[in-house]
Amino acid sequence: MNCLTVAWTAHEPELRGWLRHRLGNPAEADDLMQDLFLKALRQGERFCSVRNARAWLFEVARNTLAVDCAWHARRWSCPRTWLRLQTNPTLWTPSPPACRACSPS
């Protein structure tokens, strides 16, 4: 799995910075980085046949971010959830700003 280690070492700082910029939350970016690493790890030896590891990592990061944003959007758009937050503000956990975080640029 040396090819994954090499690719991760080369691109991890740039990926982390990109996710932190998109999310505005270092902890959420770190969580998504962990998800991304596990997805790459699950590829096994197939990861070594990827022609452009950086492009693959960024594409999977963008897709993971989009799925995460969609989940947050569904979670917080529910009126019942909003009512629960009004009665118990300690339940509030900030979600990533869907427009900024999920845009492709």
Protein backbone atom coordinates (compact mmCIF):
# COMPACT_ATOMS: atom_id res chain seq x y z
CA MET A 1 0.00 0.00 0.00
CA ASN A 2 3.03 2.23 -0.50
CA CYS A 3 1.31 4.15 -3.33
CA LEU A 4 -1.45 5.31 -0.95
CA THR A 5 1.10 6.38 1.64
CA VAL A 6 3.04 8.35 -0.96
CA ALA A 7 -0.10 10.01 -2.38
CA TRP A 8 -1.52 10.79 1.07
CA THR A 9 1.76 12.30 2.28
CA ALA A 10 2.02 14.44 -0.85
CA HIS A 11 -1.56 15.74 -0.91
CA GLU A 12 -2.88 15.60 2.66
CA PRO A 13 -1.92 19.19 3.62
CA GLU A 14 -3.55 20.64 0.49
CA LEU A 15 -6.68 18.50 0.94
CA ARG A 16 -6.99 19.45 4.61
CA GLY A 17 -6.58 23.15 3.79
CA TRP A 18 -9.18 22.94 1.02
CA LEU A 19 -11.70 21.20 3.28
CA ARG A 20 -11.09 23.63 6.13
CA HIS A 21 -11.63 26.54 3.75
CA ARG A 22 -14.85 25.02 2.34
CA LEU A 23 -16.28 24.09 5.74
CA GLY A 24 -14.94 26.86 7.95
CA ASN A 25 -14.67 24.28 10.73
CA PRO A 26 -11.35 22.46 11.33
CA ALA A 27 -12.98 19.63 13.31
CA GLU A 28 -15.47 18.84 10.54
CA ALA A 29 -12.67 19.02 7.98
CA ASP A 30 -10.65 16.54 10.01
CA ASP A 31 -13.64 14.18 10.16
CA LEU A 32 -14.01 14.33 6.39
CA MET A 33 -10.27 13.75 5.98
CA GLN A 34 -10.63 10.57 8.00
CA ASP A 35 -13.55 9.46 5.82
CA LEU A 36 -11.51 10.20 2.71
CA PHE A 37 -8.52 8.21 3.96
CA LEU A 38 -10.74 5.22 4.74
CA LYS A 39 -12.28 5.38 1.26
CA ALA A 40 -8.81 5.41 -0.29
CA LEU A 41 -7.71 2.57 1.98
CA ARG A 42 -10.73 0.47 0.94
CA GLN A 43 -9.53 0.69 -2.66
CA GLY A 44 -6.64 -1.58 -1.73
CA GLU A 45 -4.27 -2.27 -4.60
CA ARG A 46 -6.69 -0.61 -7.04
CA PHE A 47 -5.56 2.74 -5.66
CA CYS A 48 -2.11 2.06 -7.15
CA SER A 49 -3.60 1.96 -10.65
CA VAL A 50 -5.08 5.46 -10.35
CA ARG A 51 -3.28 7.67 -12.87
CA ASN A 52 -3.67 10.94 -10.96
CA ALA A 53 -3.88 10.30 -7.22
CA ARG A 54 -4.34 14.01 -6.44
CA ALA A 55 -7.32 14.30 -8.78
CA TRP A 56 -8.84 11.10 -7.35
CA LEU A 57 -8.43 12.32 -3.78
CA PHE A 58 -9.93 15.73 -4.52
CA GLU A 59 -12.84 14.23 -6.46
CA VAL A 60 -13.67 11.84 -3.63
CA ALA A 61 -13.24 14.68 -1.08
CA ARG A 62 -15.65 16.87 -3.07
CA ASN A 63 -18.19 14.05 -3.33
CA THR A 64 -17.86 13.24 0.37
CA LEU A 65 -18.36 16.92 1.17
CA ALA A 66 -21.47 17.07 -1.04
CA VAL A 67 -22.99 14.02 0.66
CA ASP A 68 -22.20 15.49 4.08
CA CYS A 69 -23.76 18.83 3.11
CA ALA A 70 -26.87 17.13 1.79
CA TRP A 71 -27.20 15.22 5.05
CA HIS A 72 -26.88 18.44 7.06
CA ALA A 73 -29.37 20.23 4.83
CA ARG A 74 -31.96 17.49 5.31
CA ARG A 75 -31.28 17.29 9.02
CA TRP A 76 -31.70 20.99 9.73
CA SER A 77 -34.55 21.71 7.33
CA CYS A 78 -36.98 19.61 9.35
CA PRO A 79 -39.45 21.85 11.27
CA ARG A 80 -39.58 19.33 14.11
CA THR A 81 -35.82 19.68 14.59
CA TRP A 82 -36.16 23.46 14.60
CA LEU A 83 -38.82 23.24 17.31
CA ARG A 84 -36.61 20.95 19.39
CA LEU A 85 -33.76 23.45 19.07
CA GLN A 86 -36.03 26.26 20.23
CA THR A 87 -36.92 24.36 23.38
CA ASN A 88 -33.45 22.93 24.01
CA PRO A 89 -30.66 25.10 22.54
CA THR A 90 -27.97 22.73 23.85
CA LEU A 91 -28.88 20.34 21.00
CA TRP A 92 -27.55 22.82 18.45
CA THR A 93 -24.41 21.78 16.63
CA PRO A 94 -23.33 23.99 13.74
CA SER A 95 -23.57 22.48 10.30
CA PRO A 96 -21.43 23.49 7.35
CA PRO A 97 -22.82 26.34 5.26
CA ALA A 98 -24.32 24.30 2.42
CA CYS A 99 -23.90 26.83 -0.40
CA ARG A 100 -20.26 27.70 0.26
CA ALA A 101 -19.12 24.22 1.27
CA CYS A 102 -20.74 22.30 -1.56
CA SER A 103 -19.94 24.56 -4.46
CA PRO A 104 -17.39 23.01 -6.83
CA SER A 105 -14.88 25.87 -6.76
